[in-house]
Amino acid sequence: MQKKSSFLLLIWMLFLYPVTVHAKEKAVSPYNATKSWYNKLISTAKPDIAKLRFFFTLMPKGGDIHQHFTGSLYAENYLDWINKEGYWISKKDFTVITPKDADKLQDTVSVKNLRSNKAMYSDFFTHWSDKDYANHNHDALAPDVQFFNTFSYFSKIFNGNQKYYAEGIQLLKNRAKNENVQYLETMFVSPGYQKADPQFDSLVRKGEINIDNKAFRDTFDGFISSVSKDTLFYSKVNQYRDLVDLCTKGVDDENFTLRFQSYVSRNTTPSQFFSGLYAAFYEADNNARVVGVNIVSPENDAIALADYKLHMQMFRYLKEKYPQIKTSMHAGELTTGMVLPEELKYHISDAVSVAGANRIGHGVDIVYETNALRTLSSMKAHHIPVEINLTSNDFILGVKDEAHPVRLYTDFGVPIVISSDDPGVSRGSLTEEYVLLASRYRYSYDEIKQFVSNSINYSFMTQNEKEQSLKLLQKKFDEFEHKILSIMDKR
């Protein structure tokens, strides 16, 4: 009887074994489960926005490498600091009023009273951000003016107490980690140095604007020589270095890295621009936390347009002096009707071929550029990514959906990086940028993962830092995909 039972058990095990093996072979991997669910979310006529938002909230997003520090903080954060300082808000134009503004003190409101007045509080946000811009009828500025005007409100707070820079950085770090972002490369502040020289301004705007011209290069050489002898220059860059040290102390940890870009405003005189740009390059060369240099301010302003080619030559000149310094350049943040048609023909091309940009920010007007094919080919060949900012491109330029060139870039093999730009002003997040990307353009899960990896690969971190960050990113994706599999198993 015992032999018969053993024989039957053996037969049963032999029968069961292939079934078990077959079941294991059929088991869905975490990666495939995640990919399958994502495909379902984007495959319907109308993508499931709520579930996409849930998906991207959980998904690791690598880095946010096109982000302006002051524009990433929310208006509520600024109000907290205004309240701490005992400042007021002007009832007339919602600017910050300090005790030094004696002539404006009467027509003000405290932060406490502002917050208790619903109508005034709502109006405050329409000045300090893009909140409610499109959801009700009201007198409004043009979208680009509305957007860029918000930045004029922020500086007075930091001028009053620099500790808020460090507090702001900590806020952005915490917000990033809560959003599954492990790296921030934020456009922090400029060194604040400018040297005005009317004679230089006059000289460089005449004749051939090209540093291949010896006389033109000599003018640049002489000006930079005078800047390098200015004691105020060293005072400003040292103050900037102290501020960077203050704001980065203790911020990096095993799951988060912060780096800064310095920058120069494109809407100043040539001498002020060039001296400020030199200060930015100098600081990036002398501070490991400052990993790149950028150019900011509205690209469609009169000075920015008139001096664009001059600015590109100035970048080229300093890139030759500091070949190790990386540059990300706002270029092509323009569209038809915003400027003369001629101004849409060359900005990205010159940023790439003349200024030697390592990354391009926005790049929206590529579809109008004369040498677009050559520029796209060059960006692909030299691994120059474009930083895609869907929300701000929609708001500032009115360019969205099929009109946006993101698909053009990827179809031509140009690497892209998804970034948030100014989430405090736009009241958004990096998560929301991915939701827009997926719902509008239906990129595959593998493509989405590549864009996330791009945010690390094309960052300005050192190679060793990138390798460590990519290992962390892979670990986070493994955890994320297991989490999605678990969710799918429970449904």
Protein backbone atom coordinates (compact mmCIF):
# COMPACT_ATOMS: atom_id res chain seq x y z
CA MET A 1 0.00 0.00 0.00
CA GLN A 2 2.85 2.37 0.88
CA LYS A 3 4.56 1.63 -2.46
CA LYS A 4 1.32 2.33 -4.32
CA SER A 5 0.88 5.70 -2.52
CA SER A 6 4.46 6.69 -3.29
CA PHE A 7 3.95 5.79 -6.94
CA LEU A 8 0.77 7.88 -7.17
CA LEU A 9 2.52 10.85 -5.49
CA LEU A 10 5.37 10.61 -8.01
CA ILE A 11 2.91 10.59 -10.92
CA TRP A 12 1.10 13.62 -9.45
CA MET A 13 4.38 15.56 -9.05
CA LEU A 14 5.43 14.76 -12.60
CA PHE A 15 2.06 16.01 -13.82
CA LEU A 16 2.22 19.17 -11.73
CA TYR A 17 5.83 20.12 -12.57
CA PRO A 18 5.32 21.32 -16.17
CA VAL A 19 2.23 23.25 -15.12
CA THR A 20 4.23 25.05 -12.43
CA VAL A 21 7.09 25.80 -14.81
CA HIS A 22 4.64 27.07 -17.41
CA ALA A 23 3.03 29.33 -14.79
CA LYS A 24 6.41 30.77 -13.84
CA GLU A 25 7.19 31.39 -17.49
CA LYS A 26 3.91 33.27 -17.80
CA ALA A 27 4.60 35.46 -14.75
CA VAL A 28 4.69 39.13 -15.72
CA SER A 29 7.85 41.04 -14.83
CA PRO A 30 7.58 44.35 -12.96
CA TYR A 31 8.91 46.16 -16.03
CA ASN A 32 6.36 44.56 -18.37
CA ALA A 33 3.52 45.17 -15.95
CA THR A 34 4.46 48.83 -15.69
CA LYS A 35 4.85 49.19 -19.44
CA SER A 36 1.53 47.46 -20.06
CA TRP A 37 -0.38 49.65 -17.62
CA TYR A 38 1.19 52.83 -18.98
CA ASN A 39 0.27 51.79 -22.53
CA LYS A 40 -3.35 51.37 -21.46
CA LEU A 41 -3.38 54.85 -19.96
CA ILE A 42 -2.26 56.53 -23.19
CA SER A 43 -3.90 54.26 -25.78
CA THR A 44 -7.47 55.51 -25.46
CA ALA A 45 -8.86 58.38 -27.54
CA LYS A 46 -8.72 60.51 -24.43
CA PRO A 47 -5.81 59.56 -22.14
CA ASP A 48 -6.70 58.86 -18.52
CA ILE A 49 -5.26 62.04 -17.01
CA ALA A 50 -6.03 61.16 -13.38
CA LYS A 51 -4.29 57.80 -13.63
CA LEU A 52 -1.39 59.31 -15.58
CA ARG A 53 -0.96 61.85 -12.81
CA PHE A 54 -0.99 59.01 -10.27
CA PHE A 55 1.54 57.07 -12.39
CA PHE A 56 3.97 59.97 -12.80
CA THR A 57 3.67 61.02 -9.17
CA LEU A 58 5.03 57.59 -8.22
CA MET A 59 7.60 57.43 -11.03
CA PRO A 60 11.18 58.55 -10.35
CA LYS A 61 11.94 61.56 -12.51
CA GLY A 62 15.71 61.84 -12.19
CA GLY A 63 16.64 65.51 -12.40
CA ASP A 64 15.08 68.88 -13.10
CA ILE A 65 17.83 70.73 -14.95
CA HIS A 66 15.98 73.76 -16.32
CA GLN A 67 14.60 75.45 -13.25
CA HIS A 68 14.79 79.05 -12.07
CA PHE A 69 15.26 79.34 -8.31
CA THR A 70 13.05 82.39 -7.66
CA GLY A 71 10.39 81.22 -10.12
CA SER A 72 10.22 77.77 -8.52
CA LEU A 73 9.13 79.01 -5.12
CA TYR A 74 5.42 79.52 -4.61
CA ALA A 75 3.90 82.89 -3.71
CA GLU A 76 2.81 81.43 -0.38
CA ASN A 77 6.47 80.81 0.49
CA TYR A 78 7.30 84.43 -0.21
CA LEU A 79 4.37 85.62 1.90
CA ASP A 80 5.64 83.58 4.85
CA TRP A 81 8.97 85.40 4.65
CA ILE A 82 7.34 88.81 4.20
CA ASN A 83 5.32 88.11 7.32
CA LYS A 84 8.44 87.06 9.28
CA GLU A 85 10.19 90.30 8.33
CA GLY A 86 7.18 92.41 9.27
CA TYR A 87 6.92 93.83 5.76
CA TRP A 88 3.70 94.81 4.03
CA ILE A 89 2.06 94.41 0.64
CA SER A 90 1.04 97.43 -1.40
CA LYS A 91 -2.71 97.57 -2.00
CA LYS A 92 -2.04 99.39 -5.25
CA ASP A 93 0.34 97.07 -7.09
CA PHE A 94 1.07 94.21 -4.63
CA THR A 95 4.77 95.00 -4.37
CA VAL A 96 6.68 94.40 -1.13
CA ILE A 97 6.85 97.45 1.12
CA THR A 98 9.56 97.71 3.80
CA PRO A 99 10.05 100.29 6.58
CA LYS A 100 12.47 102.08 4.23
CA ASP A 101 9.59 102.86 1.85
CA ALA A 102 8.26 105.65 4.05
CA ASP A 103 6.26 107.31 1.28
CA LYS A 104 4.33 104.10 0.55
CA LEU A 105 3.51 102.86 4.03
CA GLN A 106 -0.02 104.26 4.23
CA ASP A 107 -1.59 102.29 1.39
CA THR A 108 -0.46 98.84 2.53
CA VAL A 109 -1.80 95.65 4.06
CA SER A 110 -0.16 93.17 6.41
CA VAL A 111 0.22 89.55 5.34
CA LYS A 112 -2.27 88.49 8.02
CA ASN A 113 -4.91 90.92 6.79
CA LEU A 114 -4.18 90.08 3.16
CA ARG A 115 -4.80 86.42 3.81
CA SER A 116 -8.07 87.15 5.59
CA ASN A 117 -9.40 89.23 2.69
CA LYS A 118 -10.44 86.65 0.09
CA ALA A 119 -10.85 89.07 -2.81
CA MET A 120 -7.52 90.82 -2.19
CA TYR A 121 -5.73 87.52 -1.56
CA SER A 122 -7.01 86.16 -4.85
CA ASP A 123 -5.88 89.33 -6.64
CA PHE A 124 -2.44 88.98 -5.05
CA PHE A 125 -1.91 85.62 -6.75
CA THR A 126 -2.80 87.03 -10.16
CA HIS A 127 0.17 89.39 -9.76
CA TRP A 128 2.68 87.02 -8.16
CA SER A 129 1.93 84.00 -10.38
CA ASP A 130 -0.13 82.80 -13.33
CA LYS A 131 -2.90 81.58 -11.04
CA ASP A 132 -6.43 82.12 -12.40
CA TYR A 133 -5.09 83.83 -15.53
CA ALA A 134 -7.30 81.91 -17.92
CA ASN A 135 -10.25 80.72 -15.86
CA HIS A 136 -12.24 83.95 -15.54
CA ASN A 137 -12.72 87.25 -17.33
CA HIS A 138 -10.50 90.06 -16.09
CA ASP A 139 -8.20 92.80 -17.30
CA ALA A 140 -4.95 91.05 -18.09
CA LEU A 141 -1.49 91.68 -19.42
CA ALA A 142 -0.17 89.72 -22.38
CA PRO A 143 0.82 86.22 -21.17
CA ASP A 144 4.57 86.73 -21.66
CA VAL A 145 4.46 90.08 -19.83
CA GLN A 146 2.37 88.56 -17.03
CA PHE A 147 4.86 85.71 -16.64
CA PHE A 148 8.08 87.72 -16.59
CA ASN A 149 6.60 90.53 -14.47
CA THR A 150 6.23 88.17 -11.53
CA PHE A 151 10.00 88.09 -11.00
CA SER A 152 10.10 91.78 -10.13
CA TYR A 153 8.24 91.04 -6.89
CA PHE A 154 10.67 88.48 -5.48
CA SER A 155 14.05 90.20 -5.17
CA LYS A 156 13.21 92.62 -2.37
CA ILE A 157 12.66 89.76 0.04
CA PHE A 158 16.12 88.29 -0.54
CA ASN A 159 17.74 91.72 -0.45
CA GLY A 160 16.29 92.18 3.02
CA ASN A 161 17.54 88.90 4.45
CA GLN A 162 19.76 86.43 2.60
CA LYS A 163 18.88 83.57 4.94
CA TYR A 164 15.77 83.10 2.81
CA TYR A 165 17.96 81.89 -0.04
CA ALA A 166 18.97 78.92 2.11
CA GLU A 167 15.40 78.39 3.31
CA GLY A 168 14.22 78.50 -0.29
CA ILE A 169 16.76 75.88 -1.34
CA GLN A 170 15.61 73.61 1.48
CA LEU A 171 11.99 74.05 0.36
CA LEU A 172 12.91 73.09 -3.19
CA LYS A 173 14.88 70.08 -1.99
CA ASN A 174 12.00 68.80 0.12
CA ARG A 175 9.53 69.41 -2.68
CA ALA A 176 11.80 67.62 -5.16
CA LYS A 177 12.23 64.56 -2.95
CA ASN A 178 8.48 64.39 -2.35
CA GLU A 179 8.08 64.43 -6.13
CA ASN A 180 10.63 61.64 -6.65
CA VAL A 181 13.24 64.00 -8.10
CA GLN A 182 16.81 63.26 -7.01
CA TYR A 183 18.76 66.06 -8.72
CA LEU A 184 18.20 69.80 -9.10
CA GLU A 185 20.30 72.01 -11.33
CA THR A 186 18.76 75.36 -10.60
CA MET A 187 19.51 78.77 -12.04
CA PHE A 188 20.26 80.32 -8.68
CA VAL A 189 21.34 83.96 -8.80
CA SER A 190 23.99 85.89 -10.70
CA PRO A 191 27.18 87.11 -9.01
CA GLY A 192 25.73 90.61 -9.27
CA TYR A 193 28.74 92.27 -10.86
CA GLN A 194 28.38 94.75 -13.72
CA LYS A 195 30.81 97.26 -15.17
CA ALA A 196 29.35 100.04 -17.30
CA ASP A 197 31.58 101.30 -20.11
CA PRO A 198 29.84 103.49 -22.74
CA GLN A 199 32.94 103.57 -24.95
CA PHE A 200 33.05 99.76 -25.08
CA ASP A 201 29.30 99.70 -25.80
CA SER A 202 29.79 101.96 -28.78
CA LEU A 203 32.79 100.08 -30.17
CA VAL A 204 31.31 96.58 -30.10
CA ARG A 205 28.09 97.59 -31.81
CA LYS A 206 29.97 98.88 -34.85
CA GLY A 207 31.42 97.04 -37.82
CA GLU A 208 31.89 93.29 -38.01
CA ILE A 209 30.65 91.54 -34.87
CA ASN A 210 33.02 88.59 -34.87
CA ILE A 211 35.96 87.71 -32.63
CA ASP A 212 37.78 86.37 -35.68
CA ASN A 213 38.27 90.06 -36.43
CA LYS A 214 41.46 91.00 -34.56
CA ALA A 215 40.36 94.54 -33.71
CA PHE A 216 37.08 93.24 -32.34
CA ARG A 217 38.84 90.57 -30.25
CA ASP A 218 41.32 93.17 -28.98
CA THR A 219 38.40 95.25 -27.73
CA PHE A 220 37.12 92.22 -25.82
CA ASP A 221 40.60 91.51 -24.44
CA GLY A 222 41.02 95.06 -23.20
CA PHE A 223 37.65 95.13 -21.50
CA ILE A 224 38.13 91.80 -19.71
CA SER A 225 41.57 92.96 -18.61
CA SER A 226 40.03 96.03 -17.00
CA VAL A 227 37.37 93.93 -15.28
CA SER A 228 39.99 91.55 -13.89
CA LYS A 229 41.72 94.52 -12.23
CA ASP A 230 38.54 95.80 -10.58
CA THR A 231 38.46 95.17 -6.82
CA LEU A 232 34.66 95.30 -6.90
CA PHE A 233 34.69 92.28 -9.22
CA TYR A 234 36.47 90.13 -6.63
CA SER A 235 34.31 91.47 -3.86
CA LYS A 236 31.15 90.46 -5.73
CA VAL A 237 32.33 86.99 -6.74
CA ASN A 238 33.51 86.30 -3.19
CA GLN A 239 30.13 87.36 -1.81
CA TYR A 240 28.47 85.10 -4.34
CA ARG A 241 30.72 82.20 -3.34
CA ASP A 242 29.82 82.72 0.31
CA LEU A 243 26.13 82.67 -0.59
CA VAL A 244 26.53 79.46 -2.59
CA ASP A 245 28.38 77.85 0.32
CA LEU A 246 25.65 78.96 2.73
CA CYS A 247 22.87 77.56 0.57
CA THR A 248 24.51 74.23 -0.29
CA LYS A 249 25.80 73.33 3.17
CA GLY A 250 24.30 70.01 4.26
CA VAL A 251 21.88 69.88 1.31
CA ASP A 252 23.32 66.91 -0.60
CA ASP A 253 22.54 63.48 0.82
CA GLU A 254 22.55 59.89 -0.41
CA ASN A 255 19.26 60.44 -2.26
CA PHE A 256 19.58 64.03 -3.44
CA THR A 257 22.10 66.29 -5.19
CA LEU A 258 21.93 70.04 -5.77
CA ARG A 259 23.99 72.05 -8.23
CA PHE A 260 23.72 75.64 -9.44
CA GLN A 261 23.95 77.47 -12.71
CA SER A 262 24.98 81.10 -12.70
CA TYR A 263 23.65 83.43 -15.36
CA VAL A 264 23.59 86.86 -16.96
CA SER A 265 20.62 88.98 -18.05
CA ARG A 266 20.41 89.57 -21.79
CA ASN A 267 18.65 92.93 -21.40
CA THR A 268 21.51 95.18 -20.27
CA THR A 269 24.17 97.20 -22.09
CA PRO A 270 27.00 95.27 -23.81
CA SER A 271 29.51 96.22 -21.11
CA GLN A 272 27.15 95.23 -18.30
CA PHE A 273 26.30 91.98 -20.06
CA PHE A 274 29.90 91.04 -20.84
CA SER A 275 31.20 91.87 -17.36
CA GLY A 276 28.33 89.93 -15.79
CA LEU A 277 28.96 86.99 -18.10
CA TYR A 278 32.64 87.00 -17.24
CA ALA A 279 31.76 86.97 -13.53
CA ALA A 280 29.49 83.98 -14.11
CA PHE A 281 32.19 82.05 -16.00
CA TYR A 282 34.81 82.98 -13.41
CA GLU A 283 32.62 81.75 -10.58
CA ALA A 284 31.76 78.50 -12.36
CA ASP A 285 35.49 77.91 -12.81
CA ASN A 286 36.18 78.42 -9.12
CA ASN A 287 33.26 76.73 -7.39
CA ALA A 288 32.44 73.04 -7.77
CA ARG A 289 28.81 73.68 -6.83
CA VAL A 290 28.33 76.08 -9.76
CA VAL A 291 28.35 73.74 -12.73
CA GLY A 292 27.23 75.93 -15.60
CA VAL A 293 26.36 79.33 -17.03
CA ASN A 294 23.10 80.47 -18.62
CA ILE A 295 21.53 83.52 -20.26
CA VAL A 296 18.12 84.67 -19.02
CA SER A 297 15.40 87.35 -19.37
CA PRO A 298 12.87 87.75 -22.20
CA GLU A 299 14.41 86.87 -25.55
CA ASN A 300 11.96 89.16 -27.36
CA ASP A 301 12.95 92.37 -25.55
CA ALA A 302 14.48 95.10 -27.70
CA ILE A 303 18.04 94.85 -26.34
CA ALA A 304 18.02 91.05 -26.42
CA LEU A 305 17.09 91.12 -30.09
CA ALA A 306 19.42 93.94 -31.11
CA ASP A 307 22.45 92.44 -29.34
CA TYR A 308 21.77 88.74 -29.90
CA LYS A 309 24.68 88.14 -32.28
CA LEU A 310 26.95 90.19 -30.03
CA HIS A 311 25.95 88.06 -27.03
CA MET A 312 26.76 84.88 -28.96
CA GLN A 313 30.25 86.20 -29.73
CA MET A 314 30.74 87.02 -26.05
CA PHE A 315 29.78 83.48 -25.08
CA ARG A 316 32.11 82.13 -27.77
CA TYR A 317 34.98 84.27 -26.47
CA LEU A 318 34.57 83.11 -22.88
CA LYS A 319 34.05 79.48 -23.90
CA GLU A 320 37.45 79.67 -25.57
CA LYS A 321 38.98 81.00 -22.36
CA TYR A 322 37.08 78.50 -20.19
CA PRO A 323 36.53 75.43 -22.42
CA GLN A 324 35.69 73.27 -19.41
CA ILE A 325 32.70 75.41 -18.41
CA LYS A 326 29.32 74.09 -19.53
CA THR A 327 26.60 76.37 -20.85
CA SER A 328 22.86 75.94 -21.13
CA MET A 329 21.31 78.72 -23.17
CA HIS A 330 17.77 79.99 -23.42
CA ALA A 331 17.35 80.15 -27.19
CA GLY A 332 14.32 80.06 -29.45
CA GLU A 333 11.80 80.99 -26.74
CA LEU A 334 9.96 82.83 -29.50
CA THR A 335 7.11 82.24 -31.90
CA THR A 336 5.46 83.79 -34.93
CA GLY A 337 3.84 87.17 -34.33
CA MET A 338 5.93 87.79 -31.24
CA VAL A 339 8.85 89.34 -33.13
CA LEU A 340 9.76 90.21 -36.70
CA PRO A 341 9.91 87.12 -38.94
CA GLU A 342 13.64 87.70 -39.41
CA GLU A 343 14.24 87.21 -35.68
CA LEU A 344 12.92 83.65 -35.88
CA LYS A 345 15.59 82.55 -38.33
CA TYR A 346 18.80 82.04 -36.36
CA HIS A 347 18.68 82.14 -32.54
CA ILE A 348 19.03 78.40 -31.88
CA SER A 349 21.49 77.98 -34.73
CA ASP A 350 23.77 80.71 -33.39
CA ALA A 351 23.54 79.40 -29.82
CA VAL A 352 24.75 76.01 -31.06
CA SER A 353 27.22 76.91 -33.82
CA VAL A 354 28.61 80.22 -32.54
CA ALA A 355 28.20 80.25 -28.76
CA GLY A 356 28.90 76.53 -28.35
CA ALA A 357 25.92 75.77 -26.12
CA ASN A 358 26.00 72.39 -24.37
CA ARG A 359 22.22 72.44 -23.92
CA ILE A 360 19.40 74.51 -25.41
CA GLY A 361 16.55 75.78 -23.26
CA HIS A 362 13.11 75.87 -24.93
CA GLY A 363 14.12 75.78 -28.61
CA VAL A 364 10.55 76.43 -29.73
CA ASP A 365 11.20 78.48 -32.86
CA ILE A 366 13.31 75.77 -34.54
CA VAL A 367 10.51 75.26 -37.09
CA TYR A 368 11.12 78.78 -38.46
CA GLU A 369 14.92 78.73 -38.58
CA THR A 370 16.70 78.97 -41.92
CA ASN A 371 19.27 76.31 -41.00
CA ALA A 372 16.94 74.12 -38.96
CA LEU A 373 18.02 70.87 -40.65
CA ARG A 374 21.69 71.60 -40.09
CA THR A 375 21.05 72.64 -36.49
CA LEU A 376 19.02 69.51 -35.74
CA SER A 377 21.73 67.33 -37.29
CA SER A 378 24.41 69.11 -35.28
CA MET A 379 22.47 68.75 -32.04
CA LYS A 380 22.04 65.04 -32.68
CA ALA A 381 25.67 64.49 -33.68
CA HIS A 382 27.12 66.46 -30.78
CA HIS A 383 24.60 65.23 -28.19
CA ILE A 384 23.19 68.69 -27.47
CA PRO A 385 19.80 68.19 -25.79
CA VAL A 386 16.88 70.57 -25.76
CA GLU A 387 15.18 71.28 -22.43
CA ILE A 388 11.43 70.97 -22.98
CA ASN A 389 9.17 73.22 -20.89
CA LEU A 390 5.62 72.46 -22.02
CA THR A 391 3.70 74.53 -19.47
CA SER A 392 5.63 77.75 -19.89
CA ASN A 393 5.75 77.36 -23.69
CA ASP A 394 1.98 77.06 -23.66
CA PHE A 395 1.47 80.07 -21.38
CA ILE A 396 4.15 82.47 -22.63
CA LEU A 397 4.16 81.61 -26.33
CA GLY A 398 0.78 79.97 -26.84
CA VAL A 399 2.57 76.99 -28.41
CA LYS A 400 1.16 73.60 -27.42
CA ASP A 401 -0.18 70.29 -28.70
CA GLU A 402 0.77 69.56 -32.33
CA ALA A 403 2.28 73.05 -32.73
CA HIS A 404 5.04 72.27 -30.24
CA PRO A 405 8.27 70.94 -31.83
CA VAL A 406 9.01 68.28 -29.22
CA ARG A 407 8.15 65.50 -31.68
CA LEU A 408 10.26 67.18 -34.35
CA TYR A 409 13.28 67.06 -32.06
CA THR A 410 12.87 63.41 -31.11
CA ASP A 411 12.07 62.34 -34.67
CA PHE A 412 15.39 63.88 -35.73
CA GLY A 413 17.23 62.07 -32.94
CA VAL A 414 17.89 65.14 -30.80
CA PRO A 415 17.92 64.18 -27.10
CA ILE A 416 15.32 65.91 -24.96
CA VAL A 417 15.04 66.59 -21.25
CA ILE A 418 11.73 67.35 -19.53
CA SER A 419 11.92 70.25 -17.08
CA SER A 420 9.66 72.50 -15.01
CA ASP A 421 11.09 75.99 -15.74
CA ASP A 422 9.22 78.09 -13.13
CA PRO A 423 6.75 75.83 -11.30
CA GLY A 424 6.10 78.43 -8.61
CA VAL A 425 4.98 81.01 -11.15
CA SER A 426 3.03 78.51 -13.25
CA ARG A 427 1.66 76.71 -10.16
CA GLY A 428 2.87 73.40 -11.55
CA SER A 429 5.44 70.67 -11.06
CA LEU A 430 7.77 68.35 -12.95
CA THR A 431 5.15 65.63 -12.54
CA GLU A 432 2.67 67.77 -14.44
CA GLU A 433 5.17 68.25 -17.28
CA TYR A 434 5.34 64.47 -17.72
CA VAL A 435 1.55 64.23 -17.63
CA LEU A 436 1.35 66.78 -20.44
CA LEU A 437 4.07 65.00 -22.40
CA ALA A 438 2.40 61.61 -22.18
CA SER A 439 -1.17 62.77 -22.75
CA ARG A 440 -0.35 65.05 -25.69
CA TYR A 441 2.38 63.14 -27.50
CA ARG A 442 1.90 59.50 -26.44
CA TYR A 443 5.58 58.67 -25.97
CA SER A 444 6.22 55.03 -25.04
CA TYR A 445 7.27 53.93 -21.58
CA ASP A 446 10.79 53.18 -22.82
CA GLU A 447 11.02 56.68 -24.29
CA ILE A 448 9.80 58.20 -21.03
CA LYS A 449 12.49 56.29 -19.14
CA GLN A 450 15.08 57.54 -21.62
CA PHE A 451 13.99 61.15 -21.08
CA VAL A 452 14.36 60.65 -17.34
CA SER A 453 17.85 59.19 -17.80
CA ASN A 454 18.70 62.12 -20.07
CA SER A 455 18.14 64.48 -17.15
CA ILE A 456 21.12 62.86 -15.43
CA ASN A 457 23.27 62.04 -18.46
CA TYR A 458 23.06 65.59 -19.81
CA SER A 459 23.33 67.30 -16.46
CA PHE A 460 26.49 69.25 -15.68
CA MET A 461 27.51 66.99 -12.80
CA THR A 462 30.93 65.34 -12.94
CA GLN A 463 31.12 61.95 -14.65
CA ASN A 464 31.52 60.17 -11.32
CA GLU A 465 28.50 62.00 -9.89
CA LYS A 466 26.46 61.03 -12.95
CA GLU A 467 27.39 57.36 -12.58
CA GLN A 468 26.37 57.34 -8.93
CA SER A 469 23.16 59.19 -9.74
CA LEU A 470 22.28 56.76 -12.54
CA LYS A 471 22.75 53.81 -10.16
CA LEU A 472 20.35 55.47 -7.73
CA LEU A 473 17.90 56.15 -10.55
CA GLN A 474 17.96 52.50 -11.65
CA LYS A 475 17.30 51.41 -8.07
CA LYS A 476 14.36 53.81 -7.87
CA PHE A 477 12.92 52.53 -11.15
CA ASP A 478 13.21 48.93 -9.93
CA GLU A 479 11.28 49.88 -6.79
CA PHE A 480 8.72 51.82 -8.81
CA GLU A 481 8.07 48.96 -11.24
CA HIS A 482 7.68 46.48 -8.39
CA LYS A 483 5.20 48.88 -6.81
CA ILE A 484 3.20 49.09 -10.04
CA LEU A 485 3.20 45.27 -10.32
CA SER A 486 1.89 45.08 -6.77
CA ILE A 487 -0.87 47.55 -7.62
CA MET A 488 -1.81 45.54 -10.72
CA ASP A 489 -1.90 42.27 -8.74
CA LYS A 490 -4.36 43.76 -6.26
CA ARG A 491 -6.80 44.99 -8.89
